[in-house]
Protein backbone atom coordinates (compact mmCIF):
# COMPACT_ATOMS: atom_id res chain seq x y z
CA CYS A 1 64.28 -21.15 -30.68
CA LEU A 2 68.02 -21.32 -30.08
CA PRO A 3 68.07 -24.79 -28.48
CA ALA A 4 65.82 -26.21 -31.23
CA LYS A 5 68.01 -24.72 -33.95
CA SER A 6 71.16 -26.15 -32.35
CA ARG A 7 69.66 -29.68 -32.62
CA LEU A 8 69.16 -29.34 -36.37
CA PRO A 9 71.77 -30.88 -38.66
CA ASP A 10 74.23 -28.16 -39.69
CA ILE A 11 73.30 -28.50 -43.38
CA VAL A 12 69.66 -27.52 -42.75
CA ASP A 13 68.17 -24.08 -43.45
CA ARG A 14 71.12 -22.61 -45.36
CA ARG A 15 72.72 -22.61 -48.80
CA LEU A 16 74.98 -25.61 -49.23
CA THR A 17 78.43 -25.63 -50.75
CA ALA A 18 78.79 -27.56 -54.00
CA ALA A 19 80.52 -30.38 -52.13
CA GLU A 20 77.77 -30.54 -49.48
CA GLU A 21 75.08 -30.52 -52.15
CA ALA A 22 76.77 -33.36 -54.03
CA GLU A 23 76.97 -35.37 -50.80
CA VAL A 24 73.27 -34.77 -50.04
CA ILE A 25 72.25 -35.75 -53.58
CA GLY A 26 74.39 -38.88 -53.25
CA ARG A 27 72.31 -39.94 -50.23
CA ASN A 28 69.02 -39.27 -52.03
CA SER A 29 67.86 -39.21 -55.66
CA PRO A 30 70.31 -38.54 -58.51
CA LEU A 31 67.39 -36.79 -60.27
CA ILE A 32 67.65 -33.75 -57.96
CA ASP A 33 68.16 -30.34 -59.60
CA TYR A 34 67.81 -28.10 -56.53
CA VAL A 35 68.48 -28.53 -52.80
CA TYR A 36 67.38 -26.41 -49.84
CA LEU A 37 66.88 -28.41 -46.66
CA SER A 38 63.93 -27.35 -44.51
CA PRO A 39 64.10 -27.18 -40.71
CA ASN A 40 60.49 -28.42 -40.65
CA ALA A 41 61.19 -32.13 -40.28
CA ASP A 42 61.99 -34.87 -37.78
CA PHE A 43 65.62 -35.98 -37.79
CA PRO A 44 65.62 -38.94 -38.46
CA ARG A 45 62.30 -40.46 -39.58
CA GLY A 46 60.82 -43.04 -37.21
CA GLU A 47 60.22 -45.93 -39.64
CA ALA A 48 61.74 -47.51 -42.74
CA ILE A 49 60.43 -46.10 -46.03
CA SER A 50 57.66 -48.31 -47.40
CA ARG A 51 55.30 -45.94 -49.24
CA LEU A 52 55.06 -42.83 -51.40
CA THR A 53 52.59 -40.00 -50.90
CA ILE A 54 51.73 -37.68 -53.78
CA HIS A 55 50.60 -34.09 -53.20
CA HIS A 56 49.94 -31.10 -55.42
CA MET A 57 51.12 -27.56 -54.70
CA ALA A 58 47.72 -26.00 -55.51
CA ASP A 59 49.92 -23.44 -57.27
CA ASN A 60 52.61 -23.20 -59.93
CA LEU A 61 55.55 -22.36 -57.69
CA GLY A 62 59.18 -22.50 -58.68
CA LEU A 63 61.45 -24.75 -56.63
CA GLU A 64 63.20 -21.85 -54.88
CA ASP A 65 59.87 -20.25 -53.96
CA LEU A 66 58.57 -23.48 -52.46
CA GLY A 67 61.87 -23.94 -50.64
CA ALA A 68 61.51 -20.46 -49.14
CA ALA A 69 57.99 -21.37 -47.95
CA PHE A 70 59.22 -24.61 -46.40
CA ALA A 71 62.04 -22.71 -44.67
CA GLN A 72 59.49 -20.72 -42.63
CA ARG A 73 59.41 -22.41 -39.24
CA ASP A 74 56.02 -21.00 -38.28
CA ARG A 75 54.55 -22.69 -41.36
CA GLN A 76 55.42 -26.14 -39.95
CA ALA A 77 55.21 -27.78 -43.37
CA SER A 78 57.64 -29.43 -45.76
CA ALA A 79 57.99 -32.29 -48.23
CA ASN A 80 60.80 -34.61 -49.12
CA TYR A 81 60.66 -33.67 -52.82
CA ALA A 82 58.91 -31.31 -55.20
CA ILE A 83 58.62 -31.16 -58.97
CA ASP A 84 58.06 -27.92 -60.87
CA SER A 85 56.10 -27.46 -64.11
CA GLY A 86 59.26 -27.91 -66.16
CA GLY A 87 59.93 -31.31 -64.58
CA GLU A 88 62.83 -30.16 -62.37
CA VAL A 89 63.15 -31.91 -59.00
CA ALA A 90 63.94 -30.34 -55.61
CA LEU A 91 64.90 -31.93 -52.31
CA TYR A 92 63.72 -30.20 -49.10
CA VAL A 93 63.91 -33.04 -46.56
CA GLU A 94 66.35 -35.90 -47.00
CA GLU A 95 64.74 -39.32 -47.32
CA ALA A 96 66.30 -40.40 -44.02
CA ASN A 97 64.21 -37.71 -42.30
CA ARG A 98 60.44 -37.29 -41.89
CA ALA A 99 58.89 -34.39 -43.76
CA TRP A 100 55.76 -32.72 -42.36
CA THR A 101 53.46 -33.09 -45.35
CA SER A 102 50.41 -35.32 -44.95
CA SER A 103 48.76 -34.19 -41.69
CA SER A 104 49.69 -37.67 -40.42
CA LYS A 105 52.86 -38.44 -38.49
CA ASP A 106 52.26 -42.16 -39.05
CA ASN A 107 52.05 -41.75 -42.83
CA ASP A 108 54.96 -39.32 -43.07
CA ASP A 109 57.15 -41.67 -41.00
CA LEU A 110 56.64 -44.36 -43.67
CA ALA A 111 56.40 -42.23 -46.81
CA VAL A 112 58.58 -40.24 -49.12
CA THR A 113 56.36 -37.25 -49.90
CA ILE A 114 56.32 -35.49 -53.27
CA GLU A 115 54.72 -32.12 -54.10
CA VAL A 116 53.90 -31.52 -57.77
CA ALA A 117 53.34 -28.06 -59.29
CA ASN A 118 50.08 -27.36 -61.09
CA ASP A 119 50.13 -25.70 -64.50
CA GLU A 120 46.44 -24.91 -64.00
CA GLU A 121 45.13 -23.29 -60.84
CA GLY A 122 41.66 -24.50 -59.95
CA GLY A 123 39.58 -26.61 -62.28
CA ILE A 124 41.05 -30.10 -62.29
CA TRP A 125 44.41 -28.85 -60.96
CA HIS A 126 46.24 -30.13 -64.05
CA VAL A 127 49.98 -30.79 -64.02
CA SER A 128 52.26 -30.54 -67.05
CA ASP A 129 53.43 -33.55 -69.03
CA ALA A 130 57.00 -32.77 -67.92
CA SER A 131 55.93 -32.80 -64.25
CA TYR A 132 53.99 -36.02 -64.70
CA GLN A 133 56.93 -37.82 -66.35
CA ALA A 134 59.34 -36.52 -63.71
CA LEU A 135 56.96 -37.82 -61.02
CA ILE A 136 57.00 -41.31 -62.52
CA ASP A 137 60.80 -41.24 -62.87
CA LEU A 138 61.23 -40.05 -59.28
CA CYS A 139 58.84 -42.69 -57.95
CA VAL A 140 60.75 -45.43 -59.80
CA ASP A 141 64.05 -44.16 -58.40
CA ILE A 142 62.72 -43.95 -54.82
CA CYS A 143 61.25 -47.46 -55.04
CA ARG A 144 64.46 -48.96 -56.43
CA ARG A 145 66.70 -47.39 -53.82
CA ASN A 146 64.38 -48.25 -50.91
CA GLY A 147 63.51 -51.83 -51.86
CA ILE A 148 59.85 -51.13 -52.71
CA GLN A 149 59.20 -53.85 -55.27
CA MET A 150 55.72 -52.70 -56.32
CA LEU A 151 53.38 -49.74 -55.79
CA TYR A 152 49.81 -50.54 -54.79
CA TYR A 153 47.11 -47.89 -55.07
CA THR A 154 44.00 -49.07 -53.25
CA GLY A 155 42.15 -45.76 -52.92
CA ASP A 156 42.73 -45.73 -49.17
CA ALA A 157 45.61 -45.73 -46.70
CA LYS A 158 46.04 -49.52 -46.96
CA GLY A 159 48.05 -49.19 -50.18
CA ASN A 160 51.65 -48.02 -50.38
CA LEU A 161 50.77 -45.20 -52.80
CA THR A 162 48.82 -42.67 -50.76
CA THR A 163 47.57 -39.10 -50.98
CA HIS A 164 47.12 -36.23 -48.55
CA LYS A 165 43.32 -36.43 -48.63
CA MET A 166 43.48 -39.91 -47.08
CA PHE A 167 44.68 -38.29 -43.86
CA SER A 168 43.08 -34.83 -43.87
CA ASP A 169 40.02 -32.95 -45.12
CA THR A 170 41.69 -31.55 -48.24
CA GLU A 171 41.36 -31.65 -52.03
CA CYS A 172 45.06 -32.60 -52.34
CA PRO A 173 46.36 -34.02 -54.69
CA GLY A 174 43.71 -32.43 -56.91
CA PHE A 175 41.42 -34.18 -59.37
CA TYR A 176 44.00 -34.59 -62.16
CA LEU A 177 46.67 -36.39 -60.13
CA GLU A 178 44.06 -38.37 -58.21
CA SER A 179 42.62 -39.61 -61.50
CA LYS A 180 46.11 -40.75 -62.57
CA LEU A 181 47.16 -42.71 -59.46
CA LEU A 182 46.47 -46.16 -60.94
CA ASP A 183 48.29 -45.11 -64.13
CA ILE A 184 51.22 -43.86 -62.05
CA ALA A 185 51.40 -47.12 -60.10
CA ASN A 186 51.22 -49.15 -63.32
CA ALA A 187 53.92 -47.07 -65.05
CA VAL A 188 56.22 -47.32 -62.04
CA ASN A 189 55.61 -51.05 -61.66
CA THR A 190 56.35 -51.68 -65.34
CA GLN A 191 59.72 -49.96 -64.99
CA LEU A 192 60.47 -51.79 -61.73
CA LYS A 193 59.70 -55.16 -63.37
CA ASN A 194 61.88 -54.36 -66.37
CA SER A 195 64.94 -53.37 -64.34
């Protein structure tokens, strides 16, 4: 464990100072409300960012609770971002690094991954209106900063808006978010065109 830990960036897996946090936010999205950088990542990612992958938490976790889960090395999971039910945004893996989210190294090398809290457990795995709007805003911001001119949802891994279930036998992102993927792409693309 010691050699692996020594290879991690020194800002990973600890509370950051206010100055460090501001620097990290400056390299990522200005929409970030909370930062705790997970050790469960590849530093740096292997490919340029060209897609977004949406996930659901299958729970209604707070950002600190999810950060604590992603800090557990034996869990071997993380995401670049998460959004809680109030619409607050967390960063767990900087965009320059590959999060371990989609059960696919190839996808995660290309994608910024986003976990969204559910305000309903089970059923259709609903997410709040605040979470949904924050997701659209975050997707627009990521696309703008990374030169993604348009999101394409094709229902499979050929598009640049993907989901976890395209790469693994899972229900993620849940029925509600899956039913909204074309709407999300259209809302993001409208904002990208108008900017």
